[in-house]
Amino acid sequence: MVDLESLETFATAVRTGSFAAAARVLGLTPAMVGRRIQALETSYGARLIERTTRAQRLTESGEAFLTRAEAVLDAARDLEDSMRSSPGLLEGRIRMTGPATLGVFSLAAICARFQAANPAVTLEMMLTDQRVDLISGGYDFAVRIGELQNSTMIARQVGTYRLLLVASPAFLDQHGVPTTPREVAASRCLLNLNMSPRNRWPFLKDGRREVAEVQGGLQIDNGEALRAALIADAGIGYMPTELVEADVAAGRLVRLLPDWQTLTLPIQLVHPSRRVTRRVAVLMETIAEELKRSHPN
């Protein structure tokens, strides 16, 4: 008889690249992962994974077995969804990741409402501005900002992320108010380590595009920390609108170059497979609908 837990363990070990990583995703010990895979190999009479102290690789039998194992797991998930005693009930675990600022200002509230409406779902959300590997991390999907690099991932745009150029009144009183991108480039700027490239800030006006080649001694990888530094009069920042718009309204920060259009970036939903569980599909659609309203194109 097919052991679905062992099949899931095997598939996870392949996706994540190691027994240890699979153990973290599944909440098991590495030894238990090894025992389950060994049991599969014994049951089916074939070596599935070759392991060394540094790496692992699928055998030829393992590659064929993985294809069939994933088909069985997909069929089992479809059966589970279709045979629930409460039609429409979502349950199980979802693991997702997203950028910190968007997570704090939008995703956390969206996910909280989703989980409250689906209490049988356990939702794990890691917020980081680093682009983590979805497969090795065991994530079902990610929300990402910016153009995606060449990838086999499935992606769709669900909104637009806008940035503003801002500085504190005290900084501007001391250093003057820049009125062109060229003057911004000559000013003291705060750089976001997660922007690529971090030192080229684009502006558009009347169909004319200019890029300020900025410099700054303070470079930070976190939007909230950059905001705190801006309010502390440290320089000029190119910041997410939702992070600083309340400060602009309250006078803690001043918007600069208002006649110039600043950078916009696509917000994208990314997942590693075209086949996802119903709970993941419903959550992704919920996020897509809400982000399209709050971050329209």
C-alpha atoms as a PDB file:
ATOM      1  CA  MET A   1       0.000   0.000   0.000  1.00  0.00           C
ATOM      2  CA  VAL A   2       1.229   3.520  -0.814  1.00  0.00           C
ATOM      3  CA  ASP A   3       2.621   5.417   2.189  1.00  0.00           C
ATOM      4  CA  LEU A   4       1.696   9.036   1.458  1.00  0.00           C
ATOM      5  CA  GLU A   5       3.768  10.422   4.352  1.00  0.00           C
ATOM      6  CA  SER A   6       6.883   8.730   3.000  1.00  0.00           C
ATOM      7  CA  LEU A   7       6.149   9.912  -0.534  1.00  0.00           C
ATOM      8  CA  GLU A   8       5.752  13.485   0.731  1.00  0.00           C
ATOM      9  CA  THR A   9       9.005  13.164   2.683  1.00  0.00           C
ATOM     10  CA  PHE A  10      10.851  11.876  -0.385  1.00  0.00           C
ATOM     11  CA  ALA A  11       9.469  14.644  -2.641  1.00  0.00           C
ATOM     12  CA  THR A  12      10.322  17.312  -0.054  1.00  0.00           C
ATOM     13  CA  ALA A  13      13.881  16.003   0.333  1.00  0.00           C
ATOM     14  CA  VAL A  14      14.324  16.243  -3.431  1.00  0.00           C
ATOM     15  CA  ARG A  15      12.828  19.756  -3.644  1.00  0.00           C
ATOM     16  CA  THR A  16      14.826  21.151  -0.727  1.00  0.00           C
ATOM     17  CA  GLY A  17      18.091  19.434  -1.626  1.00  0.00           C
ATOM     18  CA  SER A  18      18.871  17.721   1.679  1.00  0.00           C
ATOM     19  CA  PHE A  19      17.429  15.586   4.447  1.00  0.00           C
ATOM     20  CA  ALA A  20      18.114  18.351   6.958  1.00  0.00           C
ATOM     21  CA  ALA A  21      16.201  20.951   4.935  1.00  0.00           C
ATOM     22  CA  ALA A  22      13.318  18.539   4.409  1.00  0.00           C
ATOM     23  CA  ALA A  23      13.237  17.891   8.152  1.00  0.00           C
ATOM     24  CA  ARG A  24      12.883  21.638   8.849  1.00  0.00           C
ATOM     25  CA  VAL A  25      10.034  21.973   6.365  1.00  0.00           C
ATOM     26  CA  LEU A  26       8.160  18.904   7.602  1.00  0.00           C
ATOM     27  CA  GLY A  27       8.838  19.349  11.314  1.00  0.00           C
ATOM     28  CA  LEU A  28      10.736  16.063  11.565  1.00  0.00           C
ATOM     29  CA  THR A  29      14.235  15.019  12.544  1.00  0.00           C
ATOM     30  CA  PRO A  30      16.751  14.340   9.737  1.00  0.00           C
ATOM     31  CA  ALA A  31      16.956  10.778  11.015  1.00  0.00           C
ATOM     32  CA  MET A  32      13.204  10.312  10.526  1.00  0.00           C
ATOM     33  CA  VAL A  33      13.474  11.697   6.980  1.00  0.00           C
ATOM     34  CA  GLY A  34      16.220   9.163   6.299  1.00  0.00           C
ATOM     35  CA  ARG A  35      14.210   6.288   7.748  1.00  0.00           C
ATOM     36  CA  ARG A  36      11.157   7.096   5.644  1.00  0.00           C
ATOM     37  CA  ILE A  37      13.154   7.277   2.432  1.00  0.00           C
ATOM     38  CA  GLN A  38      15.029   4.103   3.302  1.00  0.00           C
ATOM     39  CA  ALA A  39      11.678   2.395   3.883  1.00  0.00           C
ATOM     40  CA  LEU A  40      10.557   3.456   0.415  1.00  0.00           C
ATOM     41  CA  GLU A  41      13.756   2.097  -1.120  1.00  0.00           C
ATOM     42  CA  THR A  42      13.291  -1.192   0.710  1.00  0.00           C
ATOM     43  CA  SER A  43       9.626  -1.426  -0.215  1.00  0.00           C
ATOM     44  CA  TYR A  44      10.201  -0.761  -3.917  1.00  0.00           C
ATOM     45  CA  GLY A  45      13.551  -2.512  -4.185  1.00  0.00           C
ATOM     46  CA  ALA A  46      15.425   0.405  -5.752  1.00  0.00           C
ATOM     47  CA  ARG A  47      17.966   3.001  -4.683  1.00  0.00           C
ATOM     48  CA  LEU A  48      16.263   6.397  -5.039  1.00  0.00           C
ATOM     49  CA  ILE A  49      18.797   8.909  -3.699  1.00  0.00           C
ATOM     50  CA  GLU A  50      22.589   8.711  -3.678  1.00  0.00           C
ATOM     51  CA  ARG A  51      24.050  10.629  -0.737  1.00  0.00           C
ATOM     52  CA  THR A  52      27.550  11.780   0.157  1.00  0.00           C
ATOM     53  CA  THR A  53      28.671  13.876   3.096  1.00  0.00           C
ATOM     54  CA  ARG A  54      28.290  17.007   0.961  1.00  0.00           C
ATOM     55  CA  ALA A  55      25.504  16.404  -1.543  1.00  0.00           C
ATOM     56  CA  GLN A  56      22.708  14.202  -2.742  1.00  0.00           C
ATOM     57  CA  ARG A  57      21.421  13.317  -6.189  1.00  0.00           C
ATOM     58  CA  LEU A  58      18.560  11.309  -7.613  1.00  0.00           C
ATOM     59  CA  THR A  59      19.359   7.986  -9.188  1.00  0.00           C
ATOM     60  CA  GLU A  60      17.789   7.122 -12.538  1.00  0.00           C
ATOM     61  CA  SER A  61      15.191   5.085 -10.653  1.00  0.00           C
ATOM     62  CA  GLY A  62      14.707   8.013  -8.279  1.00  0.00           C
ATOM     63  CA  GLU A  63      13.914  10.412 -11.124  1.00  0.00           C
ATOM     64  CA  ALA A  64      11.234   8.105 -12.499  1.00  0.00           C
ATOM     65  CA  PHE A  65       9.904   7.473  -8.989  1.00  0.00           C
ATOM     66  CA  LEU A  66       9.678  11.243  -8.260  1.00  0.00           C
ATOM     67  CA  THR A  67       7.457  11.853 -11.276  1.00  0.00           C
ATOM     68  CA  ARG A  68       5.045   9.126 -10.211  1.00  0.00           C
ATOM     69  CA  ALA A  69       5.208  10.104  -6.531  1.00  0.00           C
ATOM     70  CA  GLU A  70       4.235  13.706  -7.304  1.00  0.00           C
ATOM     71  CA  ALA A  71       1.329  12.487  -9.438  1.00  0.00           C
ATOM     72  CA  VAL A  72       0.107  10.327  -6.540  1.00  0.00           C
ATOM     73  CA  LEU A  73       0.446  13.208  -4.077  1.00  0.00           C
ATOM     74  CA  ASP A  74      -1.436  15.577  -6.400  1.00  0.00           C
ATOM     75  CA  ALA A  75      -4.219  13.012  -6.802  1.00  0.00           C
ATOM     76  CA  ALA A  76      -4.396  12.527  -3.032  1.00  0.00           C
ATOM     77  CA  ARG A  77      -4.722  16.282  -2.474  1.00  0.00           C
ATOM     78  CA  ASP A  78      -7.453  16.544  -5.098  1.00  0.00           C
ATOM     79  CA  LEU A  79      -9.314  13.639  -3.475  1.00  0.00           C
ATOM     80  CA  GLU A  80      -8.979  15.194  -0.042  1.00  0.00           C
ATOM     81  CA  ASP A  81     -10.367  18.497  -1.286  1.00  0.00           C
ATOM     82  CA  SER A  82     -13.301  16.876  -3.067  1.00  0.00           C
ATOM     83  CA  MET A  83     -14.324  14.593  -0.190  1.00  0.00           C
ATOM     84  CA  ARG A  84     -14.310  16.963   2.749  1.00  0.00           C
ATOM     85  CA  SER A  85     -17.267  16.591   5.074  1.00  0.00           C
ATOM     86  CA  SER A  86     -17.689  20.365   4.955  1.00  0.00           C
ATOM     87  CA  PRO A  87     -17.673  21.485   1.319  1.00  0.00           C
ATOM     88  CA  GLY A  88     -15.563  24.592   0.866  1.00  0.00           C
ATOM     89  CA  LEU A  89     -13.667  24.082   4.134  1.00  0.00           C
ATOM     90  CA  LEU A  90      -9.991  24.910   3.810  1.00  0.00           C
ATOM     91  CA  GLU A  91      -7.486  23.282   6.125  1.00  0.00           C
ATOM     92  CA  GLY A  92      -3.825  22.421   6.317  1.00  0.00           C
ATOM     93  CA  ARG A  93      -0.611  24.432   6.332  1.00  0.00           C
ATOM     94  CA  ILE A  94       0.485  27.225   3.971  1.00  0.00           C
ATOM     95  CA  ARG A  95       4.025  28.634   3.932  1.00  0.00           C
ATOM     96  CA  MET A  96       4.597  31.945   2.159  1.00  0.00           C
ATOM     97  CA  THR A  97       7.161  34.714   2.079  1.00  0.00           C
ATOM     98  CA  GLY A  98       7.051  38.382   1.139  1.00  0.00           C
ATOM     99  CA  PRO A  99       8.924  41.695   1.447  1.00  0.00           C
ATOM    100  CA  ALA A 100       9.043  43.349   4.838  1.00  0.00           C
ATOM    101  CA  THR A 101       7.403  46.729   4.168  1.00  0.00           C
ATOM    102  CA  LEU A 102       4.604  45.360   1.994  1.00  0.00           C
ATOM    103  CA  GLY A 103       4.168  42.613   4.566  1.00  0.00           C
ATOM    104  CA  VAL A 104       3.767  45.019   7.458  1.00  0.00           C
ATOM    105  CA  PHE A 105       1.481  47.471   5.657  1.00  0.00           C
ATOM    106  CA  SER A 106      -0.635  45.096   3.564  1.00  0.00           C
ATOM    107  CA  LEU A 107       0.068  41.359   3.615  1.00  0.00           C
ATOM    108  CA  ALA A 108      -0.209  40.806   7.372  1.00  0.00           C
ATOM    109  CA  ALA A 109      -3.736  42.226   7.508  1.00  0.00           C
ATOM    110  CA  ILE A 110      -4.842  40.334   4.381  1.00  0.00           C
ATOM    111  CA  CYS A 111      -3.497  37.063   5.765  1.00  0.00           C
ATOM    112  CA  ALA A 112      -4.994  37.692   9.197  1.00  0.00           C
ATOM    113  CA  ARG A 113      -8.452  38.107   7.660  1.00  0.00           C
ATOM    114  CA  PHE A 114      -7.958  34.989   5.526  1.00  0.00           C
ATOM    115  CA  GLN A 115      -6.893  32.873   8.503  1.00  0.00           C
ATOM    116  CA  ALA A 116      -9.763  34.161  10.643  1.00  0.00           C
ATOM    117  CA  ALA A 117     -12.179  33.118   7.892  1.00  0.00           C
ATOM    118  CA  ASN A 118     -10.425  29.738   7.570  1.00  0.00           C
ATOM    119  CA  PRO A 119      -9.448  28.746  11.126  1.00  0.00           C
ATOM    120  CA  ALA A 120      -8.440  25.219  10.094  1.00  0.00           C
ATOM    121  CA  VAL A 121      -5.582  26.691   8.035  1.00  0.00           C
ATOM    122  CA  THR A 122      -2.187  27.289   9.652  1.00  0.00           C
ATOM    123  CA  LEU A 123      -0.488  30.125   7.794  1.00  0.00           C
ATOM    124  CA  GLU A 124       3.264  30.697   8.146  1.00  0.00           C
ATOM    125  CA  MET A 125       4.545  33.967   6.659  1.00  0.00           C
ATOM    126  CA  MET A 126       8.221  34.964   6.589  1.00  0.00           C
ATOM    127  CA  LEU A 127       8.832  38.639   5.852  1.00  0.00           C
ATOM    128  CA  THR A 128      12.235  39.419   4.423  1.00  0.00           C
ATOM    129  CA  ASP A 129      13.620  41.688   1.720  1.00  0.00           C
ATOM    130  CA  GLN A 130      15.974  38.894   0.656  1.00  0.00           C
ATOM    131  CA  ARG A 131      14.779  36.672  -2.180  1.00  0.00           C
ATOM    132  CA  VAL A 132      14.704  33.281  -0.553  1.00  0.00           C
ATOM    133  CA  ASP A 133      14.662  30.054  -2.532  1.00  0.00           C
ATOM    134  CA  LEU A 134      11.070  28.836  -2.505  1.00  0.00           C
ATOM    135  CA  ILE A 135      11.898  25.219  -3.182  1.00  0.00           C
ATOM    136  CA  SER A 136      14.712  24.723  -0.676  1.00  0.00           C
ATOM    137  CA  GLY A 137      12.757  26.733   1.892  1.00  0.00           C
ATOM    138  CA  GLY A 138       9.611  24.681   1.391  1.00  0.00           C
ATOM    139  CA  TYR A 139       7.445  27.706   0.536  1.00  0.00           C
ATOM    140  CA  ASP A 140       4.178  27.395  -1.371  1.00  0.00           C
ATOM    141  CA  PHE A 141       4.502  30.855  -2.902  1.00  0.00           C
ATOM    142  CA  ALA A 142       6.026  34.318  -2.549  1.00  0.00           C
ATOM    143  CA  VAL A 143       4.944  37.902  -3.023  1.00  0.00           C
ATOM    144  CA  ARG A 144       7.789  39.784  -4.705  1.00  0.00           C
ATOM    145  CA  ILE A 145       8.445  43.341  -5.819  1.00  0.00           C
ATOM    146  CA  GLY A 146      10.324  44.144  -9.022  1.00  0.00           C
ATOM    147  CA  GLU A 147      11.129  42.442 -12.270  1.00  0.00           C
ATOM    148  CA  LEU A 148      11.892  38.755 -11.923  1.00  0.00           C
ATOM    149  CA  GLN A 149      15.099  37.183 -13.117  1.00  0.00           C
ATOM    150  CA  ASN A 150      14.929  34.308 -15.577  1.00  0.00           C
ATOM    151  CA  SER A 151      13.191  31.546 -13.689  1.00  0.00           C
ATOM    152  CA  THR A 152      11.054  28.456 -14.064  1.00  0.00           C
ATOM    153  CA  MET A 153       8.683  29.901 -11.473  1.00  0.00           C
ATOM    154  CA  ILE A 154       5.091  30.758 -12.362  1.00  0.00           C
ATOM    155  CA  ALA A 155       4.419  34.483 -11.859  1.00  0.00           C
ATOM    156  CA  ARG A 156       1.668  37.044 -12.352  1.00  0.00           C
ATOM    157  CA  GLN A 157       1.490  40.751 -11.593  1.00  0.00           C
ATOM    158  CA  VAL A 158      -1.081  41.671  -8.954  1.00  0.00           C
ATOM    159  CA  GLY A 159      -0.312  45.323  -8.286  1.00  0.00           C
ATOM    160  CA  THR A 160       2.126  48.208  -8.568  1.00  0.00           C
ATOM    161  CA  TYR A 161       4.574  49.442  -5.937  1.00  0.00           C
ATOM    162  CA  ARG A 162       5.332  53.180  -5.957  1.00  0.00           C
ATOM    163  CA  LEU A 163       8.219  55.109  -4.442  1.00  0.00           C
ATOM    164  CA  LEU A 164       8.677  58.721  -3.343  1.00  0.00           C
ATOM    165  CA  LEU A 165      11.703  60.972  -2.891  1.00  0.00           C
ATOM    166  CA  VAL A 166      11.676  62.425   0.635  1.00  0.00           C
ATOM    167  CA  ALA A 167      13.802  64.144   3.278  1.00  0.00           C
ATOM    168  CA  SER A 168      13.196  65.803   6.641  1.00  0.00           C
ATOM    169  CA  PRO A 169      12.496  69.548   6.951  1.00  0.00           C
ATOM    170  CA  ALA A 170      15.586  70.023   9.134  1.00  0.00           C
ATOM    171  CA  PHE A 171      17.850  68.333   6.581  1.00  0.00           C
ATOM    172  CA  LEU A 172      16.449  70.520   3.796  1.00  0.00           C
ATOM    173  CA  ASP A 173      16.823  73.675   5.913  1.00  0.00           C
ATOM    174  CA  GLN A 174      20.491  72.867   6.409  1.00  0.00           C
ATOM    175  CA  HIS A 175      21.385  71.533   2.948  1.00  0.00           C
ATOM    176  CA  GLY A 176      18.847  73.119   0.604  1.00  0.00           C
ATOM    177  CA  VAL A 177      15.989  71.689  -1.434  1.00  0.00           C
ATOM    178  CA  PRO A 178      17.030  69.903  -4.641  1.00  0.00           C
ATOM    179  CA  THR A 179      14.836  70.742  -7.642  1.00  0.00           C
ATOM    180  CA  THR A 180      16.282  68.419 -10.295  1.00  0.00           C
ATOM    181  CA  PRO A 181      17.619  64.845 -10.398  1.00  0.00           C
ATOM    182  CA  ARG A 182      21.095  66.319 -10.986  1.00  0.00           C
ATOM    183  CA  GLU A 183      20.870  68.195  -7.692  1.00  0.00           C
ATOM    184  CA  VAL A 184      19.648  65.033  -5.953  1.00  0.00           C
ATOM    185  CA  ALA A 185      22.768  63.240  -7.218  1.00  0.00           C
ATOM    186  CA  ALA A 186      24.912  65.923  -5.568  1.00  0.00           C
ATOM    187  CA  SER A 187      23.114  65.552  -2.222  1.00  0.00           C
ATOM    188  CA  ARG A 188      23.669  63.213   0.706  1.00  0.00           C
ATOM    189  CA  CYS A 189      21.420  60.219   0.109  1.00  0.00           C
ATOM    190  CA  LEU A 190      20.448  57.117   2.028  1.00  0.00           C
ATOM    191  CA  LEU A 191      20.763  53.921   0.005  1.00  0.00           C
ATOM    192  CA  ASN A 192      18.577  50.841   0.249  1.00  0.00           C
ATOM    193  CA  LEU A 193      20.734  47.730  -0.056  1.00  0.00           C
ATOM    194  CA  ASN A 194      17.767  45.799  -1.466  1.00  0.00           C
ATOM    195  CA  MET A 195      17.365  48.043  -4.507  1.00  0.00           C
ATOM    196  CA  SER A 196      19.152  46.931  -7.643  1.00  0.00           C
ATOM    197  CA  PRO A 197      20.998  48.999  -8.595  1.00  0.00           C
ATOM    198  CA  ARG A 198      20.886  50.811  -5.274  1.00  0.00           C
ATOM    199  CA  ASN A 199      22.635  53.998  -6.458  1.00  0.00           C
ATOM    200  CA  ARG A 200      20.643  54.745  -9.648  1.00  0.00           C
ATOM    201  CA  TRP A 201      17.375  56.537  -8.962  1.00  0.00           C
ATOM    202  CA  PRO A 202      15.187  57.045 -12.070  1.00  0.00           C
ATOM    203  CA  PHE A 203      12.887  60.032 -12.705  1.00  0.00           C
ATOM    204  CA  LEU A 204      10.540  60.834 -15.595  1.00  0.00           C
ATOM    205  CA  LYS A 205       9.120  64.193 -16.704  1.00  0.00           C
ATOM    206  CA  ASP A 206       7.440  65.152 -19.979  1.00  0.00           C
ATOM    207  CA  GLY A 207       8.645  61.947 -21.583  1.00  0.00           C
ATOM    208  CA  ARG A 208      12.242  62.657 -20.546  1.00  0.00           C
ATOM    209  CA  ARG A 209      13.988  60.147 -18.299  1.00  0.00           C
ATOM    210  CA  GLU A 210      16.853  61.078 -16.006  1.00  0.00           C
ATOM    211  CA  VAL A 211      18.767  58.862 -13.611  1.00  0.00           C
ATOM    212  CA  ALA A 212      20.384  60.352 -10.520  1.00  0.00           C
ATOM    213  CA  GLU A 213      23.675  58.594  -9.759  1.00  0.00           C
ATOM    214  CA  VAL A 214      23.470  59.011  -5.991  1.00  0.00           C
ATOM    215  CA  GLN A 215      25.999  58.479  -3.237  1.00  0.00           C
ATOM    216  CA  GLY A 216      25.634  57.973   0.476  1.00  0.00           C
ATOM    217  CA  GLY A 217      27.658  56.770   3.394  1.00  0.00           C
ATOM    218  CA  LEU A 218      24.639  55.238   5.143  1.00  0.00           C
ATOM    219  CA  GLN A 219      23.279  52.133   3.403  1.00  0.00           C
ATOM    220  CA  ILE A 220      20.616  49.956   5.060  1.00  0.00           C
ATOM    221  CA  ASP A 221      18.719  46.823   4.047  1.00  0.00           C
ATOM    222  CA  ASN A 222      15.502  47.598   5.945  1.00  0.00           C
ATOM    223  CA  GLY A 223      12.815  50.131   5.020  1.00  0.00           C
ATOM    224  CA  GLU A 224      11.751  50.913   8.590  1.00  0.00           C
ATOM    225  CA  ALA A 225      15.356  51.630   9.575  1.00  0.00           C
ATOM    226  CA  LEU A 226      15.776  53.889   6.534  1.00  0.00           C
ATOM    227  CA  ARG A 227      12.614  55.756   7.511  1.00  0.00           C
ATOM    228  CA  ALA A 228      13.946  56.274  11.048  1.00  0.00           C
ATOM    229  CA  ALA A 229      17.220  57.622   9.641  1.00  0.00           C
ATOM    230  CA  LEU A 230      15.347  60.011   7.338  1.00  0.00           C
ATOM    231  CA  ILE A 231      13.298  61.386  10.228  1.00  0.00           C
ATOM    232  CA  ALA A 232      16.590  61.793  12.133  1.00  0.00           C
ATOM    233  CA  ASP A 233      17.745  64.206   9.367  1.00  0.00           C
ATOM    234  CA  ALA A 234      20.294  61.818   7.833  1.00  0.00           C
ATOM    235  CA  GLY A 235      19.668  62.588   4.154  1.00  0.00           C
ATOM    236  CA  ILE A 236      17.398  62.017   1.155  1.00  0.00           C
ATOM    237  CA  GLY A 237      15.662  58.687   0.557  1.00  0.00           C
ATOM    238  CA  TYR A 238      13.865  56.995  -2.340  1.00  0.00           C
ATOM    239  CA  MET A 239      11.166  55.262  -0.326  1.00  0.00           C
ATOM    240  CA  PRO A 240       8.034  53.112  -0.685  1.00  0.00           C
ATOM    241  CA  THR A 241       5.002  55.403  -0.696  1.00  0.00           C
ATOM    242  CA  GLU A 242       3.074  53.461   1.938  1.00  0.00           C
ATOM    243  CA  LEU A 243       6.032  53.605   4.323  1.00  0.00           C
ATOM    244  CA  VAL A 244       6.387  57.402   4.314  1.00  0.00           C
ATOM    245  CA  GLU A 245       3.044  58.875   3.199  1.00  0.00           C
ATOM    246  CA  ALA A 246       1.842  59.343   6.795  1.00  0.00           C
ATOM    247  CA  ASP A 247       5.107  61.127   7.639  1.00  0.00           C
ATOM    248  CA  VAL A 248       4.664  63.416   4.629  1.00  0.00           C
ATOM    249  CA  ALA A 249       1.078  64.198   5.675  1.00  0.00           C
ATOM    250  CA  ALA A 250       2.238  64.949   9.231  1.00  0.00           C
ATOM    251  CA  GLY A 251       5.154  67.141   8.101  1.00  0.00           C
ATOM    252  CA  ARG A 252       7.870  64.851   9.460  1.00  0.00           C
ATOM    253  CA  LEU A 253       9.112  64.341   5.915  1.00  0.00           C
ATOM    254  CA  VAL A 254       8.837  66.437   2.760  1.00  0.00           C
ATOM    255  CA  ARG A 255       8.211  65.087  -0.718  1.00  0.00           C
ATOM    256  CA  LEU A 256      10.831  66.249  -3.201  1.00  0.00           C
ATOM    257  CA  LEU A 257      10.631  66.682  -6.987  1.00  0.00           C
ATOM    258  CA  PRO A 258       6.810  66.436  -7.001  1.00  0.00           C
ATOM    259  CA  ASP A 259       6.677  67.277 -10.723  1.00  0.00           C
ATOM    260  CA  TRP A 260       8.805  64.264 -11.573  1.00  0.00           C
ATOM    261  CA  GLN A 261       7.424  60.733 -11.811  1.00  0.00           C
ATOM    262  CA  THR A 262       9.339  58.346  -9.586  1.00  0.00           C
ATOM    263  CA  LEU A 263       9.923  54.623  -9.814  1.00  0.00           C
ATOM    264  CA  THR A 264       7.117  52.091  -9.994  1.00  0.00           C
ATOM    265  CA  LEU A 265       7.691  48.356  -9.654  1.00  0.00           C
ATOM    266  CA  PRO A 266       5.419  45.372 -10.298  1.00  0.00           C
ATOM    267  CA  ILE A 267       4.117  43.360  -7.345  1.00  0.00           C
ATOM    268  CA  GLN A 268       4.107  39.700  -8.345  1.00  0.00           C
ATOM    269  CA  LEU A 269       2.823  36.412  -7.000  1.00  0.00           C
ATOM    270  CA  VAL A 270       5.372  33.668  -7.613  1.00  0.00           C
ATOM    271  CA  HIS A 271       5.053  29.922  -7.081  1.00  0.00           C
ATOM    272  CA  PRO A 272       7.093  26.918  -8.190  1.00  0.00           C
ATOM    273  CA  SER A 273       4.363  24.739  -9.698  1.00  0.00           C
ATOM    274  CA  ARG A 274       1.267  25.184 -11.826  1.00  0.00           C
ATOM    275  CA  ARG A 275      -0.532  22.731  -9.530  1.00  0.00           C
ATOM    276  CA  VAL A 276      -1.244  24.121  -6.077  1.00  0.00           C
ATOM    277  CA  THR A 277      -3.578  22.982  -3.323  1.00  0.00           C
ATOM    278  CA  ARG A 278      -6.966  24.638  -3.121  1.00  0.00           C
ATOM    279  CA  ARG A 279      -6.079  26.420   0.115  1.00  0.00           C
ATOM    280  CA  VAL A 280      -2.997  27.965  -1.518  1.00  0.00           C
ATOM    281  CA  ALA A 281      -4.947  28.908  -4.635  1.00  0.00           C
ATOM    282  CA  VAL A 282      -7.656  30.625  -2.558  1.00  0.00           C
ATOM    283  CA  LEU A 283      -5.125  32.572  -0.492  1.00  0.00           C
ATOM    284  CA  MET A 284      -3.204  33.687  -3.584  1.00  0.00           C
ATOM    285  CA  GLU A 285      -6.416  34.858  -5.221  1.00  0.00           C
ATOM    286  CA  THR A 286      -7.387  36.728  -2.047  1.00  0.00           C
ATOM    287  CA  ILE A 287      -4.008  38.495  -1.960  1.00  0.00           C
ATOM    288  CA  ALA A 288      -4.230  39.280  -5.682  1.00  0.00           C
ATOM    289  CA  GLU A 289      -7.688  40.858  -5.380  1.00  0.00           C
ATOM    290  CA  GLU A 290      -6.794  42.981  -2.364  1.00  0.00           C
ATOM    291  CA  LEU A 291      -3.439  44.174  -3.740  1.00  0.00           C
ATOM    292  CA  LYS A 292      -5.049  45.156  -7.032  1.00  0.00           C
ATOM    293  CA  ARG A 293      -7.373  47.418  -5.066  1.00  0.00           C
ATOM    294  CA  SER A 294      -4.767  48.875  -2.710  1.00  0.00           C
ATOM    295  CA  HIS A 295      -1.864  49.017  -5.218  1.00  0.00           C
ATOM    296  CA  PRO A 296      -3.537  49.525  -8.628  1.00  0.00           C
ATOM    297  CA  ASN A 297      -1.544  49.533 -11.856  1.00  0.00           C
END
